[in-house]
Amino acid sequence: MRKLATALDANPMSPYHHVPNKDALLRGVARMISAQFRTVTLEDAPWQERIRLLATDFRAQTRFS
């Protein structure tokens, strides 16, 4: 949390105004990222294709510029 605050140029206690702890912060980040994934609506699509799309979306969302 201290490293995050430093990266944001904020007070080390500032994140705690928004989340109760590190686990809550990580859950929130995971939710935000996963909300960006495409949802495969084709139930007939092979599982391999659905996994490929999920992996592609995960990579796109987690890549740093």
C-alpha atoms as a PDB file:
ATOM      1  CA  MET A   1       0.000   0.000   0.000  1.00  0.00           C
ATOM      2  CA  ARG A   2       2.923   2.306   0.692  1.00  0.00           C
ATOM      3  CA  LYS A   3       4.382   1.650  -2.753  1.00  0.00           C
ATOM      4  CA  LEU A   4       0.999   2.362  -4.327  1.00  0.00           C
ATOM      5  CA  ALA A   5       0.705   5.637  -2.441  1.00  0.00           C
ATOM      6  CA  THR A   6       4.236   6.578  -3.490  1.00  0.00           C
ATOM      7  CA  ALA A   7       3.454   5.777  -7.139  1.00  0.00           C
ATOM      8  CA  LEU A   8       0.339   7.952  -6.890  1.00  0.00           C
ATOM      9  CA  ASP A   9       2.278  10.686  -5.094  1.00  0.00           C
ATOM     10  CA  ALA A  10      -0.168  10.428  -2.205  1.00  0.00           C
ATOM     11  CA  ASN A  11      -0.019  10.073   1.540  1.00  0.00           C
ATOM     12  CA  PRO A  12       0.589   6.403   2.503  1.00  0.00           C
ATOM     13  CA  MET A  13      -2.693   6.360   4.436  1.00  0.00           C
ATOM     14  CA  SER A  14      -4.764   7.803   1.570  1.00  0.00           C
ATOM     15  CA  PRO A  15      -5.743   4.446  -0.007  1.00  0.00           C
ATOM     16  CA  TYR A  16      -7.442   3.504   3.263  1.00  0.00           C
ATOM     17  CA  HIS A  17      -9.963   6.309   2.704  1.00  0.00           C
ATOM     18  CA  HIS A  18     -11.241   4.254  -0.244  1.00  0.00           C
ATOM     19  CA  VAL A  19     -10.636   0.607   0.701  1.00  0.00           C
ATOM     20  CA  PRO A  20     -10.362  -1.155   4.061  1.00  0.00           C
ATOM     21  CA  ASN A  21      -7.273  -3.209   3.190  1.00  0.00           C
ATOM     22  CA  LYS A  22      -4.999  -4.511   0.444  1.00  0.00           C
ATOM     23  CA  ASP A  23      -7.217  -7.525  -0.307  1.00  0.00           C
ATOM     24  CA  ALA A  24     -10.190  -5.249  -0.960  1.00  0.00           C
ATOM     25  CA  LEU A  25      -8.057  -3.109  -3.262  1.00  0.00           C
ATOM     26  CA  LEU A  26      -6.898  -6.150  -5.246  1.00  0.00           C
ATOM     27  CA  ARG A  27     -10.465  -7.491  -5.511  1.00  0.00           C
ATOM     28  CA  GLY A  28     -11.588  -4.134  -6.844  1.00  0.00           C
ATOM     29  CA  VAL A  29      -8.823  -4.043  -9.435  1.00  0.00           C
ATOM     30  CA  ALA A  30      -9.671  -7.600 -10.515  1.00  0.00           C
ATOM     31  CA  ARG A  31     -13.357  -6.648 -10.891  1.00  0.00           C
ATOM     32  CA  MET A  32     -12.505  -3.592 -12.957  1.00  0.00           C
ATOM     33  CA  ILE A  33     -10.260  -5.585 -15.272  1.00  0.00           C
ATOM     34  CA  SER A  34     -12.640  -8.506 -15.646  1.00  0.00           C
ATOM     35  CA  ALA A  35     -15.514  -6.132 -16.445  1.00  0.00           C
ATOM     36  CA  GLN A  36     -13.581  -5.164 -19.567  1.00  0.00           C
ATOM     37  CA  PHE A  37     -13.558  -8.737 -20.915  1.00  0.00           C
ATOM     38  CA  ARG A  38     -15.788  -9.647 -23.794  1.00  0.00           C
ATOM     39  CA  THR A  39     -18.457 -12.088 -22.888  1.00  0.00           C
ATOM     40  CA  VAL A  40     -18.781 -14.988 -25.236  1.00  0.00           C
ATOM     41  CA  THR A  41     -22.464 -15.345 -25.930  1.00  0.00           C
ATOM     42  CA  LEU A  42     -22.072 -18.251 -28.319  1.00  0.00           C
ATOM     43  CA  GLU A  43     -22.685 -21.253 -26.146  1.00  0.00           C
ATOM     44  CA  ASP A  44     -21.915 -23.449 -29.145  1.00  0.00           C
ATOM     45  CA  ALA A  45     -18.370 -22.079 -29.387  1.00  0.00           C
ATOM     46  CA  PRO A  46     -15.738 -24.678 -28.466  1.00  0.00           C
ATOM     47  CA  TRP A  47     -14.198 -24.219 -25.024  1.00  0.00           C
ATOM     48  CA  GLN A  48     -10.804 -23.677 -26.680  1.00  0.00           C
ATOM     49  CA  GLU A  49     -12.147 -20.624 -28.507  1.00  0.00           C
ATOM     50  CA  ARG A  50     -13.696 -19.201 -25.326  1.00  0.00           C
ATOM     51  CA  ILE A  51     -10.414 -19.685 -23.435  1.00  0.00           C
ATOM     52  CA  ARG A  52      -8.487 -18.050 -26.311  1.00  0.00           C
ATOM     53  CA  LEU A  53     -10.773 -14.992 -26.165  1.00  0.00           C
ATOM     54  CA  LEU A  54     -10.473 -14.797 -22.388  1.00  0.00           C
ATOM     55  CA  ALA A  55      -6.665 -14.996 -22.591  1.00  0.00           C
ATOM     56  CA  THR A  56      -6.563 -12.375 -25.353  1.00  0.00           C
ATOM     57  CA  ASP A  57      -8.741 -10.003 -23.337  1.00  0.00           C
ATOM     58  CA  PHE A  58      -6.721 -10.607 -20.172  1.00  0.00           C
ATOM     59  CA  ARG A  59      -3.481  -9.802 -21.992  1.00  0.00           C
ATOM     60  CA  ALA A  60      -4.955  -6.672 -23.568  1.00  0.00           C
ATOM     61  CA  GLN A  61      -6.253  -5.411 -20.217  1.00  0.00           C
ATOM     62  CA  THR A  62      -3.087  -6.089 -18.257  1.00  0.00           C
ATOM     63  CA  ARG A  63      -0.500  -4.852 -20.750  1.00  0.00           C
ATOM     64  CA  PHE A  64       1.416  -1.797 -19.727  1.00  0.00           C
ATOM     65  CA  SER A  65       1.972   0.882 -22.342  1.00  0.00           C
END
